[in-house]
């Protein structure tokens, strides 16, 4: 099959094992975010003990004898609670509405049954001064998902970088094999010409032996390049997750059209889109969350629980719902650290120091990232000029070799000039392929760092949202 560079990149992003790994990493983060979003919605929960049967001896107090005695006990118990709860991000509390039904039956000499009900109850629980995990989740979880989405795009561009290396390694191997094949045919032809010219004393025996040596070396080189070609082919098709017996013929990309990339624009796009910048922001938020947690745990805490509802007890099911009595519950709890020998204060200071270290580390990483973006853009702009030079050098080397070869055939050039011309032609071809490889590597590295398509002038995340049918 025939493939060009863009087709190879698309296949790698779609079918390679690295693409499957990248996709599953994203899906893991996606479902984590979905779980977070689901946790912000009201939840309906049923807690139940369908049946509990007890038959044992239980210690009881005998008030007539003023002693404890063991008495046989046999009972049946069932219970159910249906509740709707809603977590509140702003306050960190939980609002709930529930209903309960319980049934108990005792067996033995005094057999009786009781139903207990809470037809309706509404309540709220809140930590007044404690750590509000809901508030921090609201800040961090959407950021983590946005980072995961951009990391998916970043990893896809990293796949492009990898396949570019495999592509041009195979392209180089194919070109070297083709050159070796041509060289075998050319060396055999030149040797035959040399034999004819040696017969008329037009060249020396030393030159004839040199031509024969070139023919032998050409065959050896062909075998070595064939081995290298098979190895490069195997690596390429394996990375694309294709059948190992697939034979691919690559088409080198044309000379790319001029793309002007400004370093300041690239730096701006990197700060807006690169997942590393979101990682830095997440690091700071998590460090600030830990400071908030340790600071509030080092002081006293108070919690409140309040509920209002109705309840009733009766010997039958219907009666347990007649004329229910009002049920009011208010509970206030206090946790006051008195002596802990500075443990809480030490944790709070450690968290503050960790936050300061994180901020300094993030600043260093940002500076390094900015430097990498600027240097990569500069390399890309230089590579554009190098492709033009390499292309011109290849044309000149081809012309020089053909001219020298024709001159050698008619006896106006020696074997050393021909060998040198052939060597320069090979070097020029390799340099041209290397220049193309470096150009496309630089371009896709900039795409990876900025998540911006400079050819289409659009954010890669916009294309991702359209592909996944995601609306901002």
Protein backbone atom coordinates (compact mmCIF):
# COMPACT_ATOMS: atom_id res chain seq x y z
CA UNK A 1 0.00 0.00 0.00
CA UNK A 2 1.03 3.60 -0.56
CA UNK A 3 1.01 6.16 2.23
CA UNK A 4 1.97 9.79 2.53
CA UNK A 5 2.85 11.61 5.74
CA UNK A 6 -0.63 12.90 6.58
CA UNK A 7 -2.23 9.49 5.97
CA UNK A 8 0.36 7.89 8.24
CA UNK A 9 -0.38 10.41 10.99
CA UNK A 10 -4.13 9.82 10.72
CA UNK A 11 -3.65 6.03 10.87
CA UNK A 12 -1.39 6.35 13.92
CA UNK A 13 -3.88 8.59 15.74
CA UNK A 14 -6.66 6.14 14.97
CA UNK A 15 -5.18 2.65 15.21
CA UNK A 16 -1.86 2.61 17.05
CA UNK A 17 -1.56 1.11 20.53
CA UNK A 18 -0.41 4.48 21.81
CA UNK A 19 -3.65 5.99 20.48
CA UNK A 20 -5.71 3.36 22.34
CA UNK A 21 -3.81 4.11 25.54
CA UNK A 22 -4.35 7.85 25.09
CA UNK A 23 -8.05 7.34 24.50
CA UNK A 24 -8.50 5.20 27.61
CA UNK A 25 -6.61 7.69 29.75
CA UNK A 26 -9.00 10.38 28.57
CA UNK A 27 -12.08 8.19 29.15
CA UNK A 28 -10.91 7.49 32.69
CA UNK A 29 -10.78 11.23 33.41
CA UNK A 30 -14.08 11.75 31.58
CA UNK A 31 -15.93 9.28 33.80
CA UNK A 32 -14.27 10.73 36.88
CA UNK A 33 -15.67 14.13 35.87
CA UNK A 34 -19.08 12.60 35.18
CA UNK A 35 -19.02 11.12 38.69
CA UNK A 36 -18.22 14.56 40.10
CA UNK A 37 -21.12 16.11 38.16
CA UNK A 38 -23.46 13.35 39.32
CA UNK A 39 -22.41 14.04 42.90
CA UNK A 40 -23.71 17.60 42.55
CA UNK A 41 -27.21 16.35 41.67
CA UNK A 42 -29.86 15.15 44.14
CA UNK A 43 -29.46 11.50 45.07
CA UNK A 44 -32.23 9.05 45.93
CA UNK A 45 -31.19 6.33 48.37
CA UNK A 46 -33.01 3.37 49.88
CA UNK A 47 -31.59 1.90 53.06
CA UNK A 48 -33.32 -1.24 54.19
CA UNK A 49 -33.08 -4.29 56.42
CA UNK A 50 -35.73 -6.54 54.85
CA UNK A 51 -35.69 -9.06 57.65
CA UNK A 52 -33.69 -9.66 60.82
CA UNK A 53 -34.56 -12.63 63.03
CA UNK A 54 -33.08 -13.01 66.54
CA UNK A 55 -33.37 -16.02 68.85
CA UNK A 56 -31.02 -15.95 71.83
CA UNK A 57 -30.64 -15.51 75.56
CA UNK A 58 -30.33 -11.90 76.67
CA UNK A 59 -29.34 -10.54 80.04
CA UNK A 60 -32.22 -8.73 81.75
CA UNK A 61 -32.69 -7.11 85.17
CA UNK A 62 -35.22 -8.78 87.47
CA UNK A 63 -36.51 -5.94 89.62
CA UNK A 64 -38.32 -8.34 92.02
CA UNK A 65 -35.12 -10.22 92.88
CA UNK A 66 -32.82 -7.25 92.22
CA UNK A 67 -30.52 -9.41 90.10
CA UNK A 68 -29.58 -9.84 86.44
CA UNK A 69 -30.93 -12.96 84.79
CA UNK A 70 -30.77 -14.50 81.30
CA UNK A 71 -34.06 -14.68 79.50
CA UNK A 72 -34.97 -16.26 76.22
CA UNK A 73 -35.79 -13.76 73.50
CA UNK A 74 -37.19 -14.26 70.01
CA UNK A 75 -37.91 -11.34 67.68
CA UNK A 76 -38.38 -10.30 64.06
CA UNK A 77 -37.34 -6.88 62.75
CA UNK A 78 -37.63 -5.03 59.44
CA UNK A 79 -36.67 -1.47 58.52
CA UNK A 80 -36.61 0.83 55.47
CA UNK A 81 -35.57 4.44 54.84
CA UNK A 82 -36.07 6.32 51.55
CA UNK A 83 -34.20 9.63 51.34
CA UNK A 84 -33.43 12.38 48.85
CA UNK A 85 -30.28 14.38 49.61
CA UNK A 86 -28.54 17.32 47.98
CA UNK A 87 -25.01 18.53 48.69
CA UNK A 88 -24.59 22.31 48.70
CA UNK A 89 -21.22 23.45 47.30
CA UNK A 90 -21.35 26.97 48.70
CA UNK A 91 -21.96 25.99 52.33
CA UNK A 92 -20.57 22.46 52.36
CA UNK A 93 -23.74 21.18 54.01
CA UNK A 94 -26.26 18.49 53.07
CA UNK A 95 -30.01 19.01 52.73
CA UNK A 96 -32.25 15.93 52.90
CA UNK A 97 -35.87 14.73 52.86
CA UNK A 98 -36.65 11.21 54.00
CA UNK A 99 -39.32 8.78 55.14
CA UNK A 100 -38.97 5.71 57.41
CA UNK A 101 -40.92 2.59 58.22
CA UNK A 102 -40.00 0.03 60.88
CA UNK A 103 -41.64 -3.19 62.09
CA UNK A 104 -40.85 -5.26 65.18
CA UNK A 105 -42.50 -8.44 66.48
CA UNK A 106 -41.63 -10.20 69.70
CA UNK A 107 -42.47 -13.88 70.22
CA UNK A 108 -42.95 -15.80 73.47
CA UNK A 109 -45.27 -15.39 76.43
CA UNK A 110 -45.88 -11.70 75.62
CA UNK A 111 -46.23 -11.69 71.85
CA UNK A 112 -46.83 -8.29 70.34
CA UNK A 113 -46.11 -6.27 67.20
CA UNK A 114 -45.27 -2.62 66.63
CA UNK A 115 -44.95 -0.39 63.61
CA UNK A 116 -42.94 2.83 63.77
CA UNK A 117 -43.12 5.40 61.00
CA UNK A 118 -41.65 8.72 60.00
CA UNK A 119 -43.98 9.75 57.16
CA UNK A 120 -42.04 12.86 56.35
CA UNK A 121 -38.88 14.52 57.64
CA UNK A 122 -36.80 17.39 56.31
CA UNK A 123 -33.34 18.21 57.64
CA UNK A 124 -29.99 19.86 57.15
CA UNK A 125 -26.49 19.13 58.43
CA UNK A 126 -23.60 21.55 58.27
CA UNK A 127 -20.07 21.97 59.55
CA UNK A 128 -19.97 25.62 60.60
CA UNK A 129 -16.24 26.31 60.64
CA UNK A 130 -14.77 23.14 59.19
CA UNK A 131 -13.21 22.30 55.87
CA UNK A 132 -15.60 22.58 52.90
CA UNK A 133 -14.53 19.86 50.47
CA UNK A 134 -17.42 20.60 48.10
CA UNK A 135 -16.17 24.14 47.46
CA UNK A 136 -12.67 22.94 46.52
CA UNK A 137 -14.03 20.14 44.33
CA UNK A 138 -16.01 22.76 42.44
CA UNK A 139 -12.75 24.57 41.69
CA UNK A 140 -10.50 21.60 40.96
CA UNK A 141 -12.64 18.93 39.24
CA UNK A 142 -13.68 21.00 36.16
CA UNK A 143 -10.04 22.09 35.84
CA UNK A 144 -8.89 18.45 35.95
CA UNK A 145 -11.34 17.50 33.21
CA UNK A 146 -10.31 20.40 30.98
CA UNK A 147 -6.69 19.39 31.53
CA UNK A 148 -7.53 15.76 30.62
CA UNK A 149 -9.20 16.90 27.40
CA UNK A 150 -6.21 19.01 26.40
CA UNK A 151 -3.86 16.22 27.47
CA UNK A 152 -5.68 13.93 25.06
CA UNK A 153 -5.04 16.39 22.22
CA UNK A 154 -1.46 16.88 23.40
CA UNK A 155 -0.85 13.12 23.38
CA UNK A 156 -2.37 12.87 19.90
CA UNK A 157 0.12 15.42 18.63
CA UNK A 158 2.84 13.46 20.40
CA UNK A 159 1.74 10.42 18.40
CA UNK A 160 2.21 12.53 15.26
CA UNK A 161 5.76 13.33 16.34
CA UNK A 162 6.51 9.64 16.90
CA UNK A 163 5.08 8.50 13.57
CA UNK A 164 7.03 11.24 11.76
CA UNK A 165 10.26 9.67 13.02
CA UNK A 166 9.15 6.18 11.93
CA UNK A 167 7.95 7.58 8.59
CA UNK A 168 11.20 9.31 7.72
CA UNK A 169 13.31 6.43 9.02
CA UNK A 170 11.47 4.19 6.58
CA UNK A 171 11.65 6.84 3.85
CA UNK A 172 15.41 7.12 4.36
CA UNK A 173 15.74 3.33 4.23
CA UNK A 174 13.69 3.16 1.04
CA UNK A 175 15.73 5.92 -0.60
CA UNK A 176 18.99 4.25 0.43
CA UNK A 177 17.73 0.93 -0.94
CA UNK A 178 16.67 2.54 -4.22
CA UNK A 179 20.03 4.29 -4.48
CA UNK A 180 21.83 1.02 -3.73
CA UNK A 181 19.77 -0.73 -6.40
CA UNK A 182 20.58 1.99 -8.93
CA UNK A 183 24.19 1.90 -7.86
CA UNK A 184 24.41 -1.86 -8.52
CA UNK A 185 23.07 -1.39 -12.05
CA UNK A 186 25.26 1.66 -12.64
CA UNK A 187 28.38 -0.06 -11.23
CA UNK A 188 27.85 -3.11 -13.42
CA UNK A 189 27.40 -0.88 -16.47
CA UNK A 190 30.48 1.18 -15.66
CA UNK A 191 32.53 -1.96 -15.06
CA UNK A 192 31.55 -3.35 -18.45
CA UNK A 193 32.44 -0.01 -20.03
CA UNK A 194 35.72 -0.10 -18.10
CA UNK A 195 36.52 -3.54 -19.46
CA UNK A 196 35.98 -2.30 -23.01
CA UNK A 197 38.11 0.79 -22.41
CA UNK A 198 40.81 -1.26 -20.69
CA UNK A 199 40.90 -3.48 -23.77
CA UNK A 200 41.92 -0.50 -25.87
CA UNK A 201 44.25 0.79 -23.12
CA UNK A 202 42.01 3.79 -22.45
CA UNK A 203 42.14 3.21 -18.66
CA UNK A 204 44.69 1.54 -16.46
CA UNK A 205 44.28 -1.85 -14.76
CA UNK A 206 44.13 -0.06 -11.40
CA UNK A 207 41.08 1.94 -12.57
CA UNK A 208 39.46 -1.26 -13.84
CA UNK A 209 40.01 -2.96 -10.49
CA UNK A 210 38.54 0.10 -8.78
CA UNK A 211 35.42 -0.20 -10.95
CA UNK A 212 35.15 -3.89 -10.10
CA UNK A 213 35.57 -3.10 -6.40
CA UNK A 214 32.79 -0.50 -6.70
CA UNK A 215 30.53 -3.14 -8.25
CA UNK A 216 31.24 -5.63 -5.45
CA UNK A 217 30.76 -2.97 -2.77
CA UNK A 218 27.51 -1.90 -4.43
CA UNK A 219 26.11 -5.44 -4.09
CA UNK A 220 27.19 -5.63 -0.44
CA UNK A 221 25.63 -2.24 0.24
CA UNK A 222 22.39 -3.40 -1.41
CA UNK A 223 22.18 -6.37 0.97
CA UNK A 224 22.80 -4.17 4.01
CA UNK A 225 20.24 -1.58 2.90
CA UNK A 226 17.72 -4.37 2.31
CA UNK A 227 18.17 -5.50 5.92
CA UNK A 228 17.78 -1.92 7.15
CA UNK A 229 14.69 -1.47 4.97
CA UNK A 230 13.00 -4.58 6.41
CA UNK A 231 13.76 -3.43 9.95
CA UNK A 232 12.40 0.08 9.30
CA UNK A 233 9.34 -1.38 7.55
CA UNK A 234 8.63 -3.68 10.50
CA UNK A 235 8.93 -0.82 12.99
CA UNK A 236 6.64 1.41 10.92
CA UNK A 237 3.81 -1.09 10.35
CA UNK A 238 4.07 -2.34 13.94
CA UNK A 239 3.61 1.16 15.32
CA UNK A 240 0.57 1.67 13.09
CA UNK A 241 -0.78 -1.66 14.41
CA UNK A 242 -0.95 -3.08 10.87
CA UNK A 243 -0.34 -6.61 9.68
CA UNK A 244 3.36 -7.42 10.02
CA UNK A 245 3.53 -8.65 6.41
CA UNK A 246 2.29 -5.31 5.04
CA UNK A 247 4.61 -3.68 2.53
CA UNK A 248 4.34 0.10 2.43
CA UNK A 249 5.67 2.43 -0.20
CA UNK A 250 5.99 5.93 1.18
CA UNK A 251 5.42 9.14 -0.73
CA UNK A 252 7.59 11.97 0.54
CA UNK A 253 5.67 15.14 1.38
CA UNK A 254 5.99 18.03 -1.02
CA UNK A 255 7.87 21.11 -0.07
CA UNK A 256 5.48 22.70 2.48
CA UNK A 257 3.94 26.04 1.80
CA UNK A 258 5.32 28.92 3.78
CA UNK A 259 3.87 29.10 7.29
CA UNK A 260 4.89 32.10 9.33
CA UNK A 261 4.77 31.48 13.08
CA UNK A 262 5.38 34.37 15.43
CA UNK A 263 7.05 33.44 18.73
CA UNK A 264 4.79 35.78 20.73
CA UNK A 265 1.65 34.27 19.19
CA UNK A 266 2.91 30.75 19.86
CA UNK A 267 3.68 31.67 23.47
CA UNK A 268 0.20 33.13 23.93
CA UNK A 269 -1.47 30.01 22.51
CA UNK A 270 0.70 27.79 24.71
CA UNK A 271 -0.38 29.66 27.86
CA UNK A 272 -4.02 29.38 26.81
CA UNK A 273 -4.05 25.75 25.69
CA UNK A 274 -1.11 23.70 26.93
CA UNK A 275 -2.22 21.15 29.57
CA UNK A 276 0.97 21.73 31.54
CA UNK A 277 -0.21 25.23 32.43
CA UNK A 278 -3.46 23.77 33.74
CA UNK A 279 -1.39 21.23 35.71
CA UNK A 280 0.52 24.09 37.30
CA UNK A 281 -2.74 25.78 38.24
CA UNK A 282 -4.05 22.51 39.67
CA UNK A 283 -0.89 22.06 41.75
CA UNK A 284 -1.37 25.49 43.33
CA UNK A 285 -5.08 24.92 43.99
CA UNK A 286 -4.41 21.56 45.65
CA UNK A 287 -1.69 23.13 47.81
CA UNK A 288 -4.09 25.94 48.77
CA UNK A 289 -6.75 23.34 49.57
CA UNK A 290 -4.34 21.59 51.93
CA UNK A 291 -3.55 24.92 53.63
CA UNK A 292 -7.27 25.52 54.13
CA UNK A 293 -7.76 21.99 55.47
CA UNK A 294 -4.93 22.12 58.00
CA UNK A 295 -5.73 25.68 59.07
CA UNK A 296 -9.34 24.85 59.88
CA UNK A 297 -8.43 21.59 61.58
CA UNK A 298 -6.07 23.47 63.90
CA UNK A 299 -8.93 25.54 65.39
CA UNK A 300 -12.20 24.52 67.05
CA UNK A 301 -14.97 23.16 64.87
CA UNK A 302 -18.72 23.25 65.27
CA UNK A 303 -21.40 21.28 63.47
CA UNK A 304 -25.15 21.54 63.45
CA UNK A 305 -27.83 19.02 62.60
CA UNK A 306 -31.50 19.96 62.46
CA UNK A 307 -34.57 18.10 61.25
CA UNK A 308 -38.32 18.59 61.44
CA UNK A 309 -40.85 15.87 60.71
CA UNK A 310 -43.49 13.55 62.08
CA UNK A 311 -43.44 10.12 63.66
CA UNK A 312 -45.82 7.61 65.18
CA UNK A 313 -45.90 4.15 66.75
CA UNK A 314 -48.83 1.71 66.60
CA UNK A 315 -49.60 -1.97 66.78
CA UNK A 316 -50.81 -2.06 63.16
CA UNK A 317 -49.62 -0.60 59.90
CA UNK A 318 -52.58 1.73 59.32
CA UNK A 319 -52.50 3.13 62.82
CA UNK A 320 -48.82 4.03 62.53
CA UNK A 321 -49.79 6.68 59.94
CA UNK A 322 -52.76 8.14 61.88
CA UNK A 323 -52.28 11.40 63.77
CA UNK A 324 -48.46 11.44 63.64
CA UNK A 325 -46.71 13.49 66.28
CA UNK A 326 -44.22 16.22 65.40
CA UNK A 327 -40.57 15.23 65.65
CA UNK A 328 -37.96 17.98 66.15
CA UNK A 329 -34.27 17.26 66.42
CA UNK A 330 -31.55 19.89 66.82
CA UNK A 331 -27.98 18.90 67.56
CA UNK A 332 -24.90 21.10 67.93
CA UNK A 333 -21.48 19.53 68.23
CA UNK A 334 -18.20 21.17 69.19
CA UNK A 335 -14.65 19.95 68.71
CA UNK A 336 -12.14 22.05 70.65
CA UNK A 337 -8.42 21.21 70.63
CA UNK A 338 -6.99 21.94 74.06
CA UNK A 339 -3.52 20.40 74.15
CA UNK A 340 -1.95 18.68 71.13
CA UNK A 341 1.66 19.82 71.64
CA UNK A 342 1.67 21.85 68.42
CA UNK A 343 0.73 18.97 66.07
CA UNK A 344 -2.05 20.88 64.28
CA UNK A 345 -0.04 24.08 64.12
CA UNK A 346 2.92 22.17 62.68
CA UNK A 347 0.75 20.64 59.97
CA UNK A 348 -0.64 24.06 59.07
CA UNK A 349 2.87 25.54 58.78
CA UNK A 350 4.02 22.58 56.68
CA UNK A 351 1.10 23.12 54.31
CA UNK A 352 1.95 26.83 53.98
CA UNK A 353 5.59 26.04 53.21
CA UNK A 354 4.51 23.42 50.67
CA UNK A 355 2.33 26.04 48.98
CA UNK A 356 5.27 28.47 48.75
CA UNK A 357 7.53 25.76 47.32
CA UNK A 358 4.83 24.80 44.79
CA UNK A 359 4.47 28.41 43.62
CA UNK A 360 8.23 28.77 43.12
CA UNK A 361 8.42 25.43 41.32
CA UNK A 362 5.54 26.43 39.04
CA UNK A 363 7.26 29.71 38.16
CA UNK A 364 10.40 27.82 37.18
CA UNK A 365 8.40 25.38 35.05
CA UNK A 366 6.59 28.24 33.31
CA UNK A 367 9.88 29.95 32.47
CA UNK A 368 11.26 26.68 31.08
CA UNK A 369 8.10 26.14 29.05
CA UNK A 370 8.26 29.66 27.61
CA UNK A 371 11.89 29.13 26.65
CA UNK A 372 11.07 25.79 24.96
CA UNK A 373 8.28 27.39 22.91
CA UNK A 374 10.47 30.27 21.73
CA UNK A 375 13.39 27.99 20.85
CA UNK A 376 11.11 25.56 18.96
CA UNK A 377 9.60 28.39 16.91
CA UNK A 378 13.07 29.68 16.08
CA UNK A 379 14.15 26.17 15.03
CA UNK A 380 11.06 25.86 12.82
CA UNK A 381 11.73 29.15 11.06
CA UNK A 382 15.32 28.06 10.41
CA UNK A 383 14.17 24.66 9.09
CA UNK A 384 12.06 26.39 6.42
CA UNK A 385 15.21 27.95 4.95
CA UNK A 386 17.18 24.70 5.27
CA UNK A 387 14.62 22.81 3.15
CA UNK A 388 15.12 25.26 0.29
CA UNK A 389 18.89 24.90 0.56
CA UNK A 390 18.70 21.10 0.75
CA UNK A 391 16.39 20.98 -2.26
CA UNK A 392 18.75 23.16 -4.31
CA UNK A 393 21.76 21.09 -3.22
CA UNK A 394 19.98 17.88 -4.30
CA UNK A 395 19.25 19.29 -7.75
CA UNK A 396 22.86 20.39 -8.18
CA UNK A 397 24.21 17.02 -6.94
CA UNK A 398 21.98 15.13 -9.39
CA UNK A 399 23.12 17.32 -12.28
CA UNK A 400 26.77 17.01 -11.26
CA UNK A 401 26.57 13.21 -11.03
CA UNK A 402 24.84 12.80 -14.39
CA UNK A 403 27.34 15.15 -16.03
CA UNK A 404 30.33 13.36 -14.46
CA UNK A 405 28.92 9.96 -15.40
CA UNK A 406 28.47 11.00 -19.04
CA UNK A 407 31.96 12.48 -19.11
CA UNK A 408 33.38 9.26 -17.64
CA UNK A 409 31.64 7.16 -20.32
CA UNK A 410 33.21 9.23 -23.11
CA UNK A 411 36.57 9.18 -21.34
CA UNK A 412 36.72 12.82 -20.23
CA UNK A 413 36.51 12.13 -16.47
CA UNK A 414 38.38 9.80 -14.13
CA UNK A 415 37.03 7.27 -11.65
CA UNK A 416 37.78 9.45 -8.60
CA UNK A 417 35.60 12.28 -9.91
CA UNK A 418 32.77 9.82 -10.58
CA UNK A 419 33.00 8.29 -7.11
CA UNK A 420 33.04 11.72 -5.49
CA UNK A 421 30.01 12.85 -7.54
CA UNK A 422 28.08 9.74 -6.54
CA UNK A 423 28.95 10.25 -2.87
CA UNK A 424 27.77 13.87 -3.02
CA UNK A 425 24.51 12.81 -4.66
CA UNK A 426 23.81 10.28 -1.88
CA UNK A 427 24.64 12.83 0.81
CA UNK A 428 22.39 15.44 -0.81
CA UNK A 429 19.43 13.02 -0.89
CA UNK A 430 19.92 12.14 2.78
CA UNK A 431 20.23 15.79 3.74
CA UNK A 432 17.00 16.63 1.90
CA UNK A 433 15.06 13.88 3.71
CA UNK A 434 16.58 14.94 7.04
CA UNK A 435 15.58 18.55 6.37
CA UNK A 436 11.99 17.46 5.66
CA UNK A 437 11.95 15.35 8.83
CA UNK A 438 13.29 18.17 11.00
CA UNK A 439 10.79 20.61 9.49
CA UNK A 440 7.75 18.44 10.20
CA UNK A 441 9.03 17.47 13.64
CA UNK A 442 9.42 21.14 14.54
CA UNK A 443 5.98 21.97 13.17
CA UNK A 444 4.19 19.21 15.05
CA UNK A 445 6.13 19.99 18.21
CA UNK A 446 4.82 23.55 18.03
CA UNK A 447 1.30 22.18 17.46
CA UNK A 448 1.74 19.96 20.50
CA UNK A 449 2.97 22.77 22.72
CA UNK A 450 0.36 25.31 21.60
CA UNK A 451 -2.55 23.01 20.62
CA UNK A 452 -3.07 25.34 17.68
CA UNK A 453 -3.27 24.55 13.96
CA UNK A 454 -1.25 27.28 12.26
CA UNK A 455 -2.24 26.10 8.78
CA UNK A 456 -5.98 26.32 9.43
CA UNK A 457 -5.63 29.06 12.08
CA UNK A 458 -7.84 27.35 14.65
CA UNK A 459 -7.61 25.81 18.09
CA UNK A 460 -7.18 22.05 18.11
CA UNK A 461 -9.62 21.88 21.01
CA UNK A 462 -12.35 23.32 18.74
CA UNK A 463 -11.88 20.43 16.36
CA UNK A 464 -11.94 18.05 19.32
CA UNK A 465 -15.22 19.49 20.63
CA UNK A 466 -16.80 19.13 17.20
CA UNK A 467 -15.56 15.56 16.86
CA UNK A 468 -16.81 14.53 20.32
CA UNK A 469 -20.03 16.60 19.99
CA UNK A 470 -19.11 18.59 23.11
CA UNK A 471 -20.62 22.04 23.60
CA UNK A 472 -18.90 24.58 25.77
